[in-house]
Amino acid sequence: MAKARDHGPSIKRDKRYGELRDKGMSKEKAARIANAKANANMHPFRKGGKASPYEEWTKDDLYTRAREIGIEGRSAMTKAALIEALRDH
């Protein structure tokens, strides 16, 4: 197998970076993924933010989030309706 091309000191896993670029990823995205996979403490394949489930949010917080993303009719919605609208958005 051929040696991976040296993409410079900022790329930690040249072979992986090259594979990602060959698949059409941008230089920036390929570098982020290749470098994250090189760090044992980072897990780029795992999903997840740290936000609590909507059921734990207050109605005011749900309303604010609905306003931020432009959900119409939010002022007349119940907490359950806000949760449903946010999940559907």
N, C-alpha and C. Protein backbone atom coordinates (compact mmCIF):
# COMPACT_ATOMS: atom_id res chain seq x y z
N MET A 1 0.83 -1.17 0.00
CA MET A 1 0.00 0.00 0.00
C MET A 1 0.88 1.24 0.00
N ALA A 2 0.49 2.23 -0.77
CA ALA A 2 1.28 3.46 -0.89
C ALA A 2 1.18 4.28 0.39
N LYS A 3 2.26 4.99 0.65
CA LYS A 3 2.28 5.87 1.82
C LYS A 3 1.34 7.05 1.58
N ALA A 4 0.66 7.47 2.61
CA ALA A 4 -0.26 8.61 2.51
C ALA A 4 0.53 9.88 2.23
N ARG A 5 -0.02 10.74 1.42
CA ARG A 5 0.61 12.02 1.11
C ARG A 5 0.67 12.88 2.36
N ASP A 6 1.73 13.65 2.51
CA ASP A 6 1.87 14.56 3.65
C ASP A 6 1.10 15.84 3.34
N HIS A 7 0.03 16.08 4.08
CA HIS A 7 -0.81 17.26 3.86
C HIS A 7 -0.41 18.42 4.77
N GLY A 8 0.67 18.30 5.44
CA GLY A 8 1.15 19.39 6.28
C GLY A 8 1.01 19.07 7.76
N PRO A 9 1.64 19.87 8.61
CA PRO A 9 1.67 19.59 10.05
C PRO A 9 0.32 19.74 10.74
N SER A 10 -0.62 20.45 10.14
CA SER A 10 -1.91 20.64 10.80
C SER A 10 -2.83 19.43 10.62
N ILE A 11 -2.49 18.51 9.71
CA ILE A 11 -3.30 17.31 9.48
C ILE A 11 -2.66 16.16 10.24
N LYS A 12 -3.40 15.59 11.17
CA LYS A 12 -2.85 14.54 12.03
C LYS A 12 -2.89 13.15 11.39
N ARG A 13 -3.88 12.90 10.55
CA ARG A 13 -4.01 11.59 9.89
C ARG A 13 -4.14 11.82 8.39
N ASP A 14 -2.99 11.85 7.71
CA ASP A 14 -2.96 12.17 6.29
C ASP A 14 -3.78 11.21 5.44
N LYS A 15 -3.68 9.92 5.71
CA LYS A 15 -4.41 8.94 4.90
C LYS A 15 -5.92 9.18 5.00
N ARG A 16 -6.42 9.34 6.22
CA ARG A 16 -7.85 9.57 6.42
C ARG A 16 -8.29 10.87 5.76
N TYR A 17 -7.47 11.90 5.89
CA TYR A 17 -7.76 13.19 5.25
C TYR A 17 -7.90 13.00 3.74
N GLY A 18 -6.96 12.30 3.14
CA GLY A 18 -7.00 12.05 1.70
C GLY A 18 -8.24 11.29 1.28
N GLU A 19 -8.63 10.29 2.07
CA GLU A 19 -9.84 9.52 1.76
C GLU A 19 -11.08 10.41 1.80
N LEU A 20 -11.15 11.26 2.79
CA LEU A 20 -12.30 12.15 2.91
C LEU A 20 -12.36 13.16 1.77
N ARG A 21 -11.19 13.69 1.38
CA ARG A 21 -11.14 14.63 0.26
C ARG A 21 -11.54 13.94 -1.04
N ASP A 22 -11.12 12.67 -1.20
CA ASP A 22 -11.49 11.90 -2.40
C ASP A 22 -13.00 11.69 -2.47
N LYS A 23 -13.66 11.65 -1.32
CA LYS A 23 -15.12 11.50 -1.28
C LYS A 23 -15.84 12.82 -1.53
N GLY A 24 -15.08 13.90 -1.68
CA GLY A 24 -15.67 15.18 -2.02
C GLY A 24 -15.84 16.16 -0.88
N MET A 25 -15.33 15.83 0.29
CA MET A 25 -15.46 16.75 1.43
C MET A 25 -14.54 17.95 1.24
N SER A 26 -14.95 19.06 1.81
CA SER A 26 -14.12 20.26 1.76
C SER A 26 -12.84 20.02 2.56
N LYS A 27 -11.84 20.82 2.30
CA LYS A 27 -10.57 20.69 3.03
C LYS A 27 -10.80 20.87 4.53
N GLU A 28 -11.60 21.86 4.88
CA GLU A 28 -11.85 22.16 6.30
C GLU A 28 -12.56 21.00 7.00
N LYS A 29 -13.62 20.47 6.39
CA LYS A 29 -14.36 19.39 7.02
C LYS A 29 -13.51 18.12 7.12
N ALA A 30 -12.78 17.81 6.06
CA ALA A 30 -11.92 16.62 6.06
C ALA A 30 -10.85 16.74 7.15
N ALA A 31 -10.29 17.94 7.31
CA ALA A 31 -9.27 18.15 8.34
C ALA A 31 -9.85 17.99 9.73
N ARG A 32 -11.06 18.56 9.95
CA ARG A 32 -11.69 18.43 11.27
C ARG A 32 -11.92 16.97 11.63
N ILE A 33 -12.45 16.21 10.69
CA ILE A 33 -12.75 14.80 10.97
C ILE A 33 -11.48 14.00 11.16
N ALA A 34 -10.51 14.18 10.27
CA ALA A 34 -9.25 13.43 10.38
C ALA A 34 -8.54 13.74 11.69
N ASN A 35 -8.51 15.01 12.07
CA ASN A 35 -7.83 15.39 13.30
C ASN A 35 -8.60 14.92 14.53
N ALA A 36 -9.91 14.97 14.50
CA ALA A 36 -10.70 14.52 15.65
C ALA A 36 -10.52 13.03 15.86
N LYS A 37 -10.50 12.27 14.79
CA LYS A 37 -10.31 10.83 14.93
C LYS A 37 -8.92 10.50 15.45
N ALA A 38 -7.97 11.39 15.26
CA ALA A 38 -6.62 11.16 15.75
C ALA A 38 -6.53 11.39 17.26
N ASN A 39 -7.50 12.10 17.82
CA ASN A 39 -7.51 12.40 19.24
C ASN A 39 -8.44 11.41 19.94
N ALA A 40 -7.90 10.61 20.81
CA ALA A 40 -8.69 9.57 21.49
C ALA A 40 -9.82 10.14 22.35
N ASN A 41 -9.74 11.40 22.72
CA ASN A 41 -10.78 12.01 23.55
C ASN A 41 -11.93 12.60 22.75
N MET A 42 -11.80 12.62 21.44
CA MET A 42 -12.86 13.18 20.59
C MET A 42 -13.55 12.05 19.85
N HIS A 43 -14.85 12.20 19.66
CA HIS A 43 -15.65 11.16 19.00
C HIS A 43 -16.57 11.81 17.97
N PRO A 44 -16.05 12.15 16.78
CA PRO A 44 -16.85 12.89 15.81
C PRO A 44 -18.03 12.11 15.25
N PHE A 45 -18.05 10.82 15.45
CA PHE A 45 -19.14 9.99 14.92
C PHE A 45 -20.30 9.92 15.89
N ARG A 46 -20.13 10.38 17.11
CA ARG A 46 -21.21 10.35 18.08
C ARG A 46 -22.08 11.58 17.95
N LYS A 47 -23.36 11.37 18.06
CA LYS A 47 -24.29 12.47 18.04
C LYS A 47 -24.34 13.11 19.40
N GLY A 48 -24.89 14.26 19.40
CA GLY A 48 -25.32 14.69 20.69
C GLY A 48 -24.87 16.02 21.18
N GLY A 49 -25.85 16.79 21.47
CA GLY A 49 -25.63 17.99 22.23
C GLY A 49 -25.89 17.66 23.68
N LYS A 50 -25.76 18.62 24.48
CA LYS A 50 -25.94 18.40 25.91
C LYS A 50 -27.26 18.98 26.41
N ALA A 51 -28.12 19.42 25.50
CA ALA A 51 -29.38 20.02 25.91
C ALA A 51 -30.31 18.97 26.51
N SER A 52 -31.07 19.40 27.49
CA SER A 52 -32.04 18.50 28.11
C SER A 52 -33.23 18.32 27.18
N PRO A 53 -34.02 17.27 27.37
CA PRO A 53 -35.21 17.06 26.54
C PRO A 53 -36.18 18.24 26.69
N TYR A 54 -36.92 18.50 25.61
CA TYR A 54 -37.87 19.62 25.63
C TYR A 54 -38.85 19.53 26.81
N GLU A 55 -39.21 18.34 27.22
CA GLU A 55 -40.15 18.19 28.33
C GLU A 55 -39.63 18.82 29.62
N GLU A 56 -38.33 18.96 29.74
CA GLU A 56 -37.73 19.57 30.93
C GLU A 56 -37.60 21.08 30.81
N TRP A 57 -37.84 21.64 29.63
CA TRP A 57 -37.75 23.08 29.42
C TRP A 57 -39.01 23.75 29.96
N THR A 58 -38.89 25.01 30.32
CA THR A 58 -40.07 25.78 30.70
C THR A 58 -40.80 26.19 29.43
N LYS A 59 -42.06 26.56 29.58
CA LYS A 59 -42.83 27.02 28.41
C LYS A 59 -42.20 28.28 27.83
N ASP A 60 -41.70 29.16 28.69
CA ASP A 60 -41.04 30.38 28.21
C ASP A 60 -39.81 30.06 27.37
N ASP A 61 -39.03 29.08 27.81
CA ASP A 61 -37.84 28.68 27.05
C ASP A 61 -38.22 28.07 25.70
N LEU A 62 -39.27 27.26 25.71
CA LEU A 62 -39.75 26.67 24.45
C LEU A 62 -40.22 27.77 23.51
N TYR A 63 -40.96 28.74 24.05
CA TYR A 63 -41.46 29.85 23.25
C TYR A 63 -40.29 30.63 22.63
N THR A 64 -39.27 30.90 23.44
CA THR A 64 -38.11 31.63 22.95
C THR A 64 -37.43 30.88 21.82
N ARG A 65 -37.26 29.59 21.97
CA ARG A 65 -36.64 28.77 20.91
C ARG A 65 -37.51 28.77 19.66
N ALA A 66 -38.82 28.67 19.83
CA ALA A 66 -39.74 28.69 18.69
C ALA A 66 -39.64 30.03 17.95
N ARG A 67 -39.51 31.11 18.71
CA ARG A 67 -39.35 32.43 18.11
C ARG A 67 -38.04 32.51 17.32
N GLU A 68 -36.96 31.97 17.90
CA GLU A 68 -35.65 31.99 17.24
C GLU A 68 -35.68 31.31 15.87
N ILE A 69 -36.43 30.23 15.76
CA ILE A 69 -36.44 29.50 14.49
C ILE A 69 -37.65 29.82 13.63
N GLY A 70 -38.48 30.75 14.09
CA GLY A 70 -39.56 31.27 13.26
C GLY A 70 -40.81 30.41 13.16
N ILE A 71 -41.17 29.74 14.22
CA ILE A 71 -42.42 28.96 14.22
C ILE A 71 -43.59 29.92 14.39
N GLU A 72 -44.49 29.89 13.42
CA GLU A 72 -45.64 30.78 13.47
C GLU A 72 -46.73 30.20 14.37
N GLY A 73 -47.51 31.09 14.99
CA GLY A 73 -48.60 30.69 15.86
C GLY A 73 -48.16 30.26 17.24
N ARG A 74 -46.92 30.50 17.57
CA ARG A 74 -46.35 30.02 18.85
C ARG A 74 -47.01 30.66 20.07
N SER A 75 -47.49 31.88 19.95
CA SER A 75 -48.07 32.55 21.12
C SER A 75 -49.34 31.88 21.60
N ALA A 76 -50.04 31.18 20.73
CA ALA A 76 -51.28 30.51 21.12
C ALA A 76 -51.06 29.03 21.48
N MET A 77 -49.84 28.56 21.40
CA MET A 77 -49.56 27.14 21.63
C MET A 77 -49.39 26.80 23.10
N THR A 78 -49.81 25.60 23.44
CA THR A 78 -49.55 25.05 24.77
C THR A 78 -48.10 24.55 24.79
N LYS A 79 -47.65 24.16 25.96
CA LYS A 79 -46.30 23.62 26.07
C LYS A 79 -46.15 22.38 25.18
N ALA A 80 -47.14 21.50 25.21
CA ALA A 80 -47.09 20.29 24.39
C ALA A 80 -47.06 20.62 22.90
N ALA A 81 -47.82 21.63 22.50
CA ALA A 81 -47.84 22.03 21.09
C ALA A 81 -46.51 22.65 20.68
N LEU A 82 -45.90 23.42 21.57
CA LEU A 82 -44.58 23.99 21.28
C LEU A 82 -43.55 22.89 21.09
N ILE A 83 -43.59 21.89 21.96
CA ILE A 83 -42.65 20.77 21.85
C ILE A 83 -42.84 20.06 20.51
N GLU A 84 -44.07 19.81 20.15
CA GLU A 84 -44.35 19.12 18.88
C GLU A 84 -43.87 19.97 17.70
N ALA A 85 -44.14 21.27 17.74
CA ALA A 85 -43.73 22.16 16.65
C ALA A 85 -42.20 22.21 16.53
N LEU A 86 -41.52 22.26 17.66
CA LEU A 86 -40.05 22.30 17.63
C LEU A 86 -39.49 20.99 17.08
N ARG A 87 -40.07 19.89 17.43
CA ARG A 87 -39.58 18.61 16.93
C ARG A 87 -39.87 18.43 15.44
N ASP A 88 -40.98 18.99 14.97
CA ASP A 88 -41.35 18.88 13.56
C ASP A 88 -40.56 19.83 12.67
N HIS A 89 -39.98 20.85 13.29
CA HIS A 89 -39.29 21.85 12.50
C HIS A 89 -37.99 21.38 11.96
